[in-house]
Amino acid sequence: MRAGPFMRLGFVMAVLPALVLSGCVGSPGKIRKVDAPSEKELRSNWKNYHTYCLKSGYGVSWTGSAILFQVKGGKTIQKSADWQEVSDEKTALRCADFLRIPSPVMSLLGENDATFGYLIYEYRDAVSTAVIDANTISLYYIAFPKTGGP
């Protein structure tokens, strides 16, 4: 089923402000596919990161979902209130395990290609970052409506 013109327009209207805002906040960050660590390695070592799950993704396939692994230390990823910190094994296992078409593991990079964390998300969703300073980036995540949801 193809997305109608209003759905495409709605997506553009949702993504455009985020891209404009990211340009106003700081220089664009980089998001790159990485082969290591793998999703399996990240999930099994979730306690070694500040791990977050996109709350709106739980059980509602059409709202998008993602899992974020933020490197511990002096690095900060600013994100919306929709992200829930993972605090137990059950949540770590459930978080974003129902992604329809997941992205590969994506590395979030700041100044001088410093790694801030890793993100696995629904590949159709829009993701961008902006560098605030050497130790801070902002993550912008916009879920694209999926068809066939509940």
N, C-alpha and C. Protein backbone atom coordinates (compact mmCIF):
# COMPACT_ATOMS: atom_id res chain seq x y z
N MET A 1 0.84 -1.17 0.00
CA MET A 1 0.00 0.00 0.00
C MET A 1 0.89 1.24 0.00
N ARG A 2 0.65 2.14 -0.90
CA ARG A 2 1.44 3.35 -1.02
C ARG A 2 0.92 4.43 -0.08
N ALA A 3 1.85 5.23 0.40
CA ALA A 3 1.47 6.36 1.26
C ALA A 3 0.80 7.42 0.39
N GLY A 4 -0.31 7.96 0.88
CA GLY A 4 -1.02 8.99 0.15
C GLY A 4 -0.30 10.32 0.22
N PRO A 5 -0.71 11.28 -0.61
CA PRO A 5 -0.03 12.58 -0.63
C PRO A 5 -0.12 13.32 0.70
N PHE A 6 -1.23 13.15 1.43
CA PHE A 6 -1.35 13.83 2.72
C PHE A 6 -0.41 13.22 3.75
N MET A 7 -0.21 11.89 3.68
CA MET A 7 0.70 11.23 4.61
C MET A 7 2.14 11.69 4.34
N ARG A 8 2.50 11.78 3.05
CA ARG A 8 3.85 12.25 2.70
C ARG A 8 4.04 13.70 3.13
N LEU A 9 3.02 14.53 2.94
CA LEU A 9 3.10 15.93 3.34
C LEU A 9 3.24 16.03 4.86
N GLY A 10 2.49 15.21 5.58
CA GLY A 10 2.59 15.20 7.04
C GLY A 10 3.97 14.83 7.51
N PHE A 11 4.59 13.86 6.83
CA PHE A 11 5.95 13.46 7.19
C PHE A 11 6.93 14.61 6.97
N VAL A 12 6.81 15.28 5.83
CA VAL A 12 7.69 16.41 5.54
C VAL A 12 7.48 17.52 6.58
N MET A 13 6.24 17.78 6.94
CA MET A 13 5.93 18.82 7.93
C MET A 13 6.50 18.46 9.30
N ALA A 14 6.60 17.18 9.61
CA ALA A 14 7.15 16.75 10.89
C ALA A 14 8.67 16.78 10.90
N VAL A 15 9.29 16.39 9.79
CA VAL A 15 10.75 16.31 9.73
C VAL A 15 11.40 17.67 9.54
N LEU A 16 10.81 18.51 8.74
CA LEU A 16 11.40 19.80 8.43
C LEU A 16 11.72 20.64 9.66
N PRO A 17 10.80 20.82 10.61
CA PRO A 17 11.15 21.61 11.79
C PRO A 17 12.31 21.02 12.59
N ALA A 18 12.39 19.71 12.68
CA ALA A 18 13.49 19.09 13.42
C ALA A 18 14.82 19.38 12.74
N LEU A 19 14.83 19.30 11.41
CA LEU A 19 16.07 19.57 10.70
C LEU A 19 16.46 21.04 10.82
N VAL A 20 15.49 21.92 10.76
CA VAL A 20 15.77 23.35 10.91
C VAL A 20 16.28 23.64 12.32
N LEU A 21 15.60 23.08 13.32
CA LEU A 21 16.03 23.30 14.71
C LEU A 21 17.42 22.74 14.95
N SER A 22 17.72 21.58 14.38
CA SER A 22 19.05 21.02 14.60
C SER A 22 20.11 21.93 14.00
N GLY A 23 19.79 22.61 12.92
CA GLY A 23 20.73 23.55 12.33
C GLY A 23 20.91 24.79 13.17
N CYS A 24 19.88 25.19 13.92
CA CYS A 24 19.96 26.37 14.76
C CYS A 24 20.69 26.10 16.07
N VAL A 25 20.65 24.88 16.53
CA VAL A 25 21.23 24.53 17.83
C VAL A 25 22.73 24.41 17.75
N GLY A 26 23.25 23.81 16.74
CA GLY A 26 24.69 23.61 16.61
C GLY A 26 24.98 22.98 15.26
N SER A 27 26.23 22.60 15.09
CA SER A 27 26.57 21.95 13.83
C SER A 27 25.98 20.55 13.79
N PRO A 28 25.71 20.04 12.60
CA PRO A 28 25.12 18.71 12.51
C PRO A 28 26.07 17.65 13.05
N GLY A 29 25.51 16.69 13.77
CA GLY A 29 26.29 15.55 14.19
C GLY A 29 26.29 14.52 13.08
N LYS A 30 26.99 13.44 13.29
CA LYS A 30 27.07 12.39 12.28
C LYS A 30 26.43 11.12 12.82
N ILE A 31 25.78 10.40 11.92
CA ILE A 31 25.20 9.11 12.24
C ILE A 31 25.74 8.14 11.20
N ARG A 32 26.49 7.14 11.66
CA ARG A 32 27.12 6.20 10.72
C ARG A 32 26.84 4.77 11.11
N LYS A 33 26.68 3.94 10.10
CA LYS A 33 26.52 2.50 10.31
C LYS A 33 27.86 1.92 10.78
N VAL A 34 27.78 1.03 11.77
CA VAL A 34 28.99 0.35 12.26
C VAL A 34 28.75 -1.15 12.25
N ASP A 35 29.82 -1.90 12.07
CA ASP A 35 29.74 -3.36 12.11
C ASP A 35 29.95 -3.89 13.53
N ALA A 36 30.68 -3.13 14.34
CA ALA A 36 30.93 -3.54 15.72
C ALA A 36 30.79 -2.32 16.60
N PRO A 37 30.15 -2.43 17.72
CA PRO A 37 29.54 -3.63 18.28
C PRO A 37 28.25 -3.99 17.55
N SER A 38 27.90 -5.26 17.60
CA SER A 38 26.67 -5.72 16.98
C SER A 38 25.48 -5.47 17.90
N GLU A 39 24.27 -5.59 17.35
CA GLU A 39 23.08 -5.42 18.18
C GLU A 39 23.07 -6.43 19.32
N LYS A 40 23.45 -7.65 19.04
CA LYS A 40 23.48 -8.70 20.06
C LYS A 40 24.46 -8.34 21.18
N GLU A 41 25.64 -7.83 20.83
CA GLU A 41 26.63 -7.42 21.84
C GLU A 41 26.11 -6.25 22.68
N LEU A 42 25.51 -5.27 22.03
CA LEU A 42 24.97 -4.13 22.76
C LEU A 42 23.88 -4.56 23.73
N ARG A 43 22.96 -5.38 23.26
CA ARG A 43 21.85 -5.83 24.12
C ARG A 43 22.34 -6.67 25.29
N SER A 44 23.35 -7.51 25.07
CA SER A 44 23.84 -8.34 26.18
C SER A 44 24.68 -7.54 27.17
N ASN A 45 25.22 -6.40 26.73
CA ASN A 45 26.04 -5.55 27.62
C ASN A 45 25.35 -4.23 27.93
N TRP A 46 24.02 -4.21 27.97
CA TRP A 46 23.28 -2.96 28.13
C TRP A 46 23.65 -2.22 29.41
N LYS A 47 24.10 -2.94 30.45
CA LYS A 47 24.46 -2.29 31.71
C LYS A 47 25.74 -1.47 31.60
N ASN A 48 26.53 -1.71 30.57
CA ASN A 48 27.76 -0.95 30.36
C ASN A 48 27.49 0.41 29.71
N TYR A 49 26.23 0.68 29.41
CA TYR A 49 25.82 1.93 28.78
C TYR A 49 24.68 2.54 29.59
N HIS A 50 24.38 3.80 29.33
CA HIS A 50 23.12 4.38 29.77
C HIS A 50 22.17 3.98 28.64
N THR A 51 21.26 3.06 28.91
CA THR A 51 20.41 2.50 27.86
C THR A 51 19.00 3.06 27.97
N TYR A 52 18.44 3.46 26.83
CA TYR A 52 17.11 4.06 26.78
C TYR A 52 16.27 3.39 25.70
N CYS A 53 14.99 3.31 25.97
CA CYS A 53 14.03 2.75 25.01
C CYS A 53 13.00 3.83 24.71
N LEU A 54 12.61 3.93 23.45
CA LEU A 54 11.60 4.91 23.08
C LEU A 54 10.26 4.43 23.61
N LYS A 55 9.70 5.15 24.59
CA LYS A 55 8.47 4.74 25.27
C LYS A 55 7.30 4.55 24.32
N SER A 56 7.16 5.42 23.35
CA SER A 56 6.00 5.35 22.49
C SER A 56 6.03 4.13 21.57
N GLY A 57 7.12 3.39 21.57
CA GLY A 57 7.21 2.22 20.72
C GLY A 57 6.65 0.96 21.35
N TYR A 58 6.38 0.95 22.65
CA TYR A 58 5.94 -0.27 23.31
C TYR A 58 4.60 -0.75 22.77
N GLY A 59 4.61 -1.89 22.08
CA GLY A 59 3.40 -2.54 21.65
C GLY A 59 2.56 -1.79 20.63
N VAL A 60 3.00 -0.65 20.15
CA VAL A 60 2.22 0.12 19.17
C VAL A 60 3.11 0.28 17.94
N SER A 61 2.95 -0.66 17.03
CA SER A 61 3.88 -0.74 15.90
C SER A 61 3.87 0.49 15.01
N TRP A 62 2.79 1.23 14.98
CA TRP A 62 2.72 2.36 14.06
C TRP A 62 3.33 3.64 14.61
N THR A 63 3.81 3.66 15.85
CA THR A 63 4.39 4.88 16.39
C THR A 63 5.91 4.89 16.37
N GLY A 64 6.53 3.81 15.94
CA GLY A 64 7.98 3.76 15.91
C GLY A 64 8.56 3.30 17.23
N SER A 65 9.78 2.85 17.18
CA SER A 65 10.45 2.41 18.39
C SER A 65 11.94 2.42 18.12
N ALA A 66 12.71 2.48 19.20
CA ALA A 66 14.16 2.51 19.06
C ALA A 66 14.80 2.18 20.40
N ILE A 67 16.07 1.81 20.35
CA ILE A 67 16.85 1.59 21.56
C ILE A 67 18.16 2.36 21.40
N LEU A 68 18.52 3.07 22.46
CA LEU A 68 19.69 3.94 22.46
C LEU A 68 20.66 3.48 23.54
N PHE A 69 21.92 3.32 23.17
CA PHE A 69 22.98 2.95 24.11
C PHE A 69 23.94 4.13 24.18
N GLN A 70 23.87 4.90 25.27
CA GLN A 70 24.73 6.07 25.44
C GLN A 70 25.99 5.67 26.17
N VAL A 71 27.14 6.05 25.64
CA VAL A 71 28.43 5.74 26.26
C VAL A 71 28.49 6.39 27.63
N LYS A 72 28.95 5.62 28.63
CA LYS A 72 29.11 6.19 29.98
C LYS A 72 30.36 7.05 30.00
N GLY A 73 30.38 8.00 30.90
CA GLY A 73 31.50 8.93 30.99
C GLY A 73 30.99 10.34 30.90
N GLY A 74 31.79 11.24 30.38
CA GLY A 74 31.43 12.65 30.32
C GLY A 74 30.60 13.05 29.13
N LYS A 75 30.11 12.09 28.35
CA LYS A 75 29.33 12.41 27.15
C LYS A 75 27.84 12.43 27.48
N THR A 76 27.10 13.38 26.89
CA THR A 76 25.67 13.52 27.12
C THR A 76 24.93 13.56 25.78
N ILE A 77 23.83 12.80 25.72
CA ILE A 77 22.94 12.87 24.56
C ILE A 77 21.62 13.46 25.06
N GLN A 78 21.30 14.67 24.61
CA GLN A 78 20.02 15.28 24.96
C GLN A 78 18.96 14.65 24.07
N LYS A 79 17.83 14.28 24.68
CA LYS A 79 16.76 13.62 23.95
C LYS A 79 15.43 14.03 24.53
N SER A 80 14.34 13.71 23.84
CA SER A 80 13.01 14.08 24.31
C SER A 80 12.60 13.23 25.51
N ALA A 81 11.50 13.61 26.13
CA ALA A 81 10.98 12.90 27.30
C ALA A 81 10.38 11.54 26.93
N ASP A 82 10.27 11.24 25.65
CA ASP A 82 9.71 9.95 25.21
C ASP A 82 10.64 8.77 25.46
N TRP A 83 11.89 9.05 25.80
CA TRP A 83 12.87 8.00 26.04
C TRP A 83 12.83 7.57 27.50
N GLN A 84 12.71 6.27 27.74
CA GLN A 84 12.65 5.71 29.09
C GLN A 84 13.96 4.98 29.37
N GLU A 85 14.58 5.27 30.51
CA GLU A 85 15.83 4.58 30.84
C GLU A 85 15.55 3.13 31.19
N VAL A 86 16.36 2.24 30.65
CA VAL A 86 16.24 0.81 30.90
C VAL A 86 16.92 0.52 32.23
N SER A 87 16.18 -0.14 33.14
CA SER A 87 16.73 -0.39 34.47
C SER A 87 16.70 -1.86 34.88
N ASP A 88 16.15 -2.73 34.03
CA ASP A 88 16.11 -4.15 34.39
C ASP A 88 16.23 -5.02 33.15
N GLU A 89 16.54 -6.29 33.36
CA GLU A 89 16.75 -7.24 32.26
C GLU A 89 15.51 -7.40 31.38
N LYS A 90 14.34 -7.46 32.00
CA LYS A 90 13.10 -7.66 31.25
C LYS A 90 12.88 -6.53 30.25
N THR A 91 13.05 -5.30 30.69
CA THR A 91 12.88 -4.15 29.80
C THR A 91 13.97 -4.16 28.73
N ALA A 92 15.18 -4.51 29.12
CA ALA A 92 16.28 -4.55 28.16
C ALA A 92 15.99 -5.56 27.05
N LEU A 93 15.42 -6.69 27.39
CA LEU A 93 15.10 -7.70 26.39
C LEU A 93 13.93 -7.29 25.50
N ARG A 94 12.90 -6.64 26.10
CA ARG A 94 11.70 -6.23 25.37
C ARG A 94 11.90 -4.99 24.51
N CYS A 95 12.80 -4.12 24.93
CA CYS A 95 12.94 -2.82 24.29
C CYS A 95 13.25 -2.95 22.80
N ALA A 96 12.35 -2.46 22.01
CA ALA A 96 12.51 -2.38 20.56
C ALA A 96 12.76 -3.74 19.92
N ASP A 97 12.32 -4.82 20.56
CA ASP A 97 12.53 -6.14 19.95
C ASP A 97 11.49 -6.43 18.88
N PHE A 98 10.51 -5.57 18.73
CA PHE A 98 9.46 -5.78 17.74
C PHE A 98 9.61 -4.85 16.53
N LEU A 99 10.77 -4.31 16.32
CA LEU A 99 10.98 -3.45 15.16
C LEU A 99 10.65 -4.22 13.89
N ARG A 100 9.83 -3.64 13.04
CA ARG A 100 9.47 -4.32 11.79
C ARG A 100 10.68 -4.45 10.88
N ILE A 101 11.33 -3.33 10.62
CA ILE A 101 12.51 -3.33 9.75
C ILE A 101 13.57 -2.47 10.47
N PRO A 102 14.41 -3.10 11.30
CA PRO A 102 15.38 -2.32 12.06
C PRO A 102 16.52 -1.81 11.20
N SER A 103 17.08 -0.71 11.64
CA SER A 103 18.29 -0.20 11.01
C SER A 103 19.45 -1.07 11.48
N PRO A 104 20.58 -0.98 10.81
CA PRO A 104 21.78 -1.59 11.40
C PRO A 104 22.15 -0.78 12.64
N VAL A 105 23.16 -1.20 13.35
CA VAL A 105 23.62 -0.42 14.49
C VAL A 105 24.24 0.86 13.94
N MET A 106 23.74 2.00 14.45
CA MET A 106 24.21 3.30 14.00
C MET A 106 24.96 3.98 15.14
N SER A 107 26.13 4.51 14.83
CA SER A 107 26.95 5.22 15.80
C SER A 107 26.60 6.70 15.75
N LEU A 108 26.42 7.31 16.92
CA LEU A 108 26.15 8.75 17.02
C LEU A 108 27.47 9.44 17.34
N LEU A 109 27.91 10.32 16.45
CA LEU A 109 29.22 10.95 16.57
C LEU A 109 29.09 12.45 16.77
N GLY A 110 29.98 12.99 17.57
CA GLY A 110 30.04 14.42 17.82
C GLY A 110 31.27 15.03 17.19
N GLU A 111 31.82 16.05 17.85
CA GLU A 111 33.02 16.72 17.36
C GLU A 111 34.17 15.72 17.26
N ASN A 112 34.98 15.89 16.24
CA ASN A 112 36.15 15.04 16.01
C ASN A 112 35.79 13.55 15.99
N ASP A 113 34.58 13.25 15.53
CA ASP A 113 34.09 11.87 15.43
C ASP A 113 34.11 11.11 16.75
N ALA A 114 33.93 11.82 17.85
CA ALA A 114 33.84 11.17 19.17
C ALA A 114 32.52 10.41 19.26
N THR A 115 32.57 9.15 19.69
CA THR A 115 31.38 8.32 19.80
C THR A 115 30.61 8.65 21.07
N PHE A 116 29.33 9.00 20.90
CA PHE A 116 28.45 9.30 22.03
C PHE A 116 27.56 8.11 22.36
N GLY A 117 27.31 7.26 21.39
CA GLY A 117 26.46 6.12 21.65
C GLY A 117 26.07 5.41 20.37
N TYR A 118 25.13 4.47 20.52
CA TYR A 118 24.67 3.66 19.41
C TYR A 118 23.15 3.64 19.41
N LEU A 119 22.56 3.61 18.22
CA LEU A 119 21.12 3.66 18.07
C LEU A 119 20.66 2.59 17.09
N ILE A 120 19.59 1.88 17.47
CA ILE A 120 18.94 0.93 16.58
C ILE A 120 17.49 1.38 16.52
N TYR A 121 16.98 1.62 15.33
CA TYR A 121 15.65 2.22 15.21
C TYR A 121 14.94 1.68 13.98
N GLU A 122 13.67 2.01 13.86
CA GLU A 122 12.88 1.66 12.68
C GLU A 122 13.42 2.49 11.53
N TYR A 123 13.93 1.84 10.50
CA TYR A 123 14.67 2.54 9.45
C TYR A 123 13.86 3.62 8.74
N ARG A 124 12.53 3.55 8.76
CA ARG A 124 11.71 4.55 8.08
C ARG A 124 11.57 5.84 8.89
N ASP A 125 11.93 5.81 10.15
CA ASP A 125 11.82 7.00 10.98
C ASP A 125 12.95 7.98 10.66
N ALA A 126 12.77 9.23 11.03
CA ALA A 126 13.76 10.27 10.77
C ALA A 126 14.61 10.51 12.02
N VAL A 127 15.91 10.48 11.84
CA VAL A 127 16.83 10.68 12.96
C VAL A 127 17.89 11.69 12.53
N SER A 128 18.18 12.64 13.40
CA SER A 128 19.28 13.56 13.16
C SER A 128 19.88 13.96 14.50
N THR A 129 21.09 14.48 14.44
CA THR A 129 21.76 14.95 15.66
C THR A 129 22.35 16.33 15.40
N ALA A 130 22.59 17.04 16.49
CA ALA A 130 23.27 18.33 16.42
C ALA A 130 24.31 18.37 17.54
N VAL A 131 25.48 18.87 17.22
CA VAL A 131 26.55 18.99 18.20
C VAL A 131 26.32 20.27 18.99
N ILE A 132 26.20 20.14 20.31
CA ILE A 132 26.05 21.30 21.19
C ILE A 132 27.43 21.80 21.61
N ASP A 133 28.24 20.89 22.12
CA ASP A 133 29.63 21.18 22.46
C ASP A 133 30.41 19.87 22.42
N ALA A 134 31.66 19.89 22.85
CA ALA A 134 32.51 18.69 22.75
C ALA A 134 31.97 17.50 23.53
N ASN A 135 31.14 17.75 24.55
CA ASN A 135 30.63 16.67 25.38
C ASN A 135 29.13 16.46 25.29
N THR A 136 28.45 17.18 24.38
CA THR A 136 26.99 17.11 24.32
C THR A 136 26.50 17.12 22.87
N ILE A 137 25.56 16.21 22.57
CA ILE A 137 24.85 16.26 21.30
C ILE A 137 23.36 16.18 21.61
N SER A 138 22.54 16.63 20.67
CA SER A 138 21.09 16.49 20.77
C SER A 138 20.64 15.46 19.75
N LEU A 139 19.72 14.60 20.17
CA LEU A 139 19.17 13.58 19.29
C LEU A 139 17.74 13.97 18.96
N TYR A 140 17.42 14.03 17.67
CA TYR A 140 16.08 14.33 17.19
C TYR A 140 15.53 13.08 16.53
N TYR A 141 14.42 12.58 17.05
CA TYR A 141 13.83 11.34 16.53
C TYR A 141 12.37 11.60 16.20
N ILE A 142 12.01 11.35 14.96
CA ILE A 142 10.64 11.55 14.53
C ILE A 142 10.14 10.24 13.95
N ALA A 143 9.11 9.67 14.59
CA ALA A 143 8.54 8.41 14.13
C ALA A 143 7.61 8.68 12.96
N PHE A 144 7.83 7.97 11.87
CA PHE A 144 6.96 8.05 10.71
C PHE A 144 5.82 7.07 10.91
N PRO A 145 4.58 7.49 10.73
CA PRO A 145 3.44 6.58 10.95
C PRO A 145 3.54 5.34 10.07
N LYS A 146 3.33 4.19 10.68
CA LYS A 146 3.37 2.92 9.94
C LYS A 146 1.93 2.53 9.61
N THR A 147 1.74 1.91 8.47
CA THR A 147 0.40 1.45 8.11
C THR A 147 0.20 0.07 8.69
N GLY A 148 -1.03 -0.29 8.92
CA GLY A 148 -1.37 -1.61 9.43
C GLY A 148 -1.25 -1.74 10.93
N GLY A 149 -1.15 -0.63 11.65
CA GLY A 149 -1.03 -0.67 13.11
C GLY A 149 -2.38 -0.96 13.76
N PRO A 150 -2.37 -1.15 15.06
CA PRO A 150 -3.62 -1.46 15.77
C PRO A 150 -4.58 -0.29 15.78
